[in-house]
Amino acid sequence: MKKGLSVKAALFLGFCLASATVALGQSGAGTAPMGSSYAAPDHPMHAYSVPMAPTQSLFSGTGLVTVAQGEMPLWEAVPERQEVPLGDTARRERKEHANVKKARKVWEN
């Protein structure tokens, strides 16, 4: 018979010892006793109401927006989009697919 521990037993014993050490470290049993109460930081300033700042113009000059004669709204100046119906797009794609050169060999796995 062999005297001493087998390798499996030694590894298992080392694992148990390491796990116990980690568990003790997480529980705080190995540290000095300290209070674990949480104290929220105190902020001496609190919210209060103040009057709003005066308005400031983003335009240079007088600050007034003037509309000259002859200007038109942007929605009138933008051309309408001519959307192609989905059926027409599908027919065009099918026609292009029929005209494409086909492969000579077909591989099936």
Protein backbone atom coordinates (compact mmCIF):
# COMPACT_ATOMS: atom_id res chain seq x y z
CA MET A 1 0.00 0.00 0.00
CA LYS A 2 1.00 3.53 -0.66
CA LYS A 3 1.56 5.91 2.13
CA GLY A 4 0.40 9.50 1.63
CA LEU A 5 -2.29 11.11 -0.48
CA SER A 6 -3.07 10.37 -4.06
CA VAL A 7 -2.85 13.17 -6.59
CA LYS A 8 -6.64 13.43 -6.86
CA ALA A 9 -7.04 13.70 -3.12
CA ALA A 10 -4.30 16.33 -2.87
CA LEU A 11 -5.88 18.44 -5.63
CA PHE A 12 -9.33 18.12 -4.06
CA LEU A 13 -7.95 19.14 -0.66
CA GLY A 14 -6.18 22.15 -2.21
CA PHE A 15 -9.38 23.17 -4.03
CA CYS A 16 -11.38 22.96 -0.78
CA LEU A 17 -8.79 25.03 1.06
CA ALA A 18 -8.75 27.71 -1.66
CA SER A 19 -12.56 27.83 -1.77
CA ALA A 20 -12.76 28.25 2.00
CA THR A 21 -10.20 31.06 1.87
CA VAL A 22 -12.15 32.88 -0.83
CA ALA A 23 -15.43 32.43 1.03
CA LEU A 24 -13.93 33.84 4.21
CA GLY A 25 -12.54 36.80 2.29
CA GLN A 26 -15.92 37.59 0.75
CA SER A 27 -17.83 37.27 3.99
CA GLY A 28 -15.60 39.78 5.70
CA ALA A 29 -14.84 37.47 8.61
CA GLY A 30 -11.13 37.91 8.03
CA THR A 31 -11.20 41.70 8.24
CA ALA A 32 -11.38 44.09 11.14
CA PRO A 33 -14.90 44.87 12.29
CA MET A 34 -16.21 47.98 10.57
CA GLY A 35 -19.62 49.53 10.35
CA SER A 36 -21.25 48.72 7.05
CA SER A 37 -23.81 51.49 7.12
CA TYR A 38 -24.17 53.67 4.04
CA ALA A 39 -24.24 57.43 4.40
CA ALA A 40 -25.45 59.41 1.39
CA PRO A 41 -23.36 62.49 0.57
CA ASP A 42 -24.83 65.74 1.79
CA HIS A 43 -25.15 68.55 -0.72
CA PRO A 44 -25.67 71.95 0.89
CA MET A 45 -27.12 73.58 -2.24
CA HIS A 46 -30.70 72.82 -3.19
CA ALA A 47 -32.78 73.67 -6.22
CA TYR A 48 -34.37 77.07 -6.28
CA SER A 49 -36.29 79.05 -8.89
CA VAL A 50 -34.78 82.00 -10.71
CA PRO A 51 -36.22 84.14 -13.49
CA MET A 52 -35.40 83.06 -17.01
CA ALA A 53 -32.65 84.83 -18.92
CA PRO A 54 -33.69 87.41 -21.52
CA THR A 55 -34.14 86.13 -25.06
CA GLN A 56 -31.17 86.34 -27.39
CA SER A 57 -31.43 86.44 -31.15
CA LEU A 58 -29.56 83.88 -33.18
CA PHE A 59 -29.62 86.11 -36.23
CA SER A 60 -27.02 88.79 -36.78
CA GLY A 61 -28.10 92.36 -37.21
CA THR A 62 -31.48 93.55 -36.01
CA GLY A 63 -32.68 90.15 -34.86
CA LEU A 64 -35.86 90.33 -36.90
CA VAL A 65 -36.66 87.89 -39.66
CA THR A 66 -37.78 89.59 -42.81
CA VAL A 67 -39.32 87.79 -45.74
CA ALA A 68 -38.66 89.36 -49.09
CA GLN A 69 -41.22 89.26 -51.82
CA GLY A 70 -40.95 86.32 -54.17
CA GLU A 71 -39.82 83.74 -51.60
CA MET A 72 -41.75 80.52 -51.43
CA PRO A 73 -41.93 77.79 -48.79
CA LEU A 74 -39.44 74.97 -49.07
CA TRP A 75 -42.12 72.34 -49.58
CA GLU A 76 -43.08 74.05 -52.83
CA ALA A 77 -39.49 74.16 -54.10
CA VAL A 78 -38.65 70.50 -53.52
CA PRO A 79 -39.61 68.30 -56.50
CA GLU A 80 -41.98 65.41 -55.84
CA ARG A 81 -40.43 61.98 -55.66
CA GLN A 82 -41.64 59.66 -58.34
CA GLU A 83 -41.79 56.29 -56.61
CA VAL A 84 -41.77 53.17 -58.74
CA PRO A 85 -44.47 50.66 -57.81
CA LEU A 86 -43.25 47.40 -56.30
CA GLY A 87 -44.81 45.30 -59.07
CA ASP A 88 -42.91 47.21 -61.76
CA THR A 89 -39.67 46.72 -59.84
CA ALA A 90 -40.32 42.98 -59.53
CA ARG A 91 -41.05 42.65 -63.28
CA ARG A 92 -37.85 44.50 -64.17
CA GLU A 93 -35.78 42.30 -61.83
CA ARG A 94 -37.36 39.13 -63.25
CA LYS A 95 -36.56 40.27 -66.80
CA GLU A 96 -32.93 41.05 -65.85
CA HIS A 97 -32.63 37.67 -64.13
CA ALA A 98 -33.82 35.88 -67.29
CA ASN A 99 -31.16 37.64 -69.39
CA VAL A 100 -28.24 36.89 -67.07
CA LYS A 101 -25.76 34.21 -68.17
CA LYS A 102 -26.45 30.96 -66.35
CA ALA A 103 -23.84 28.69 -64.75
CA ARG A 104 -22.79 25.62 -66.74
CA LYS A 105 -22.37 23.33 -63.73
CA VAL A 106 -24.68 22.96 -60.80
CA TRP A 107 -23.18 21.61 -57.60
CA GLU A 108 -25.38 20.02 -55.02
CA ASN A 109 -24.06 19.06 -51.59
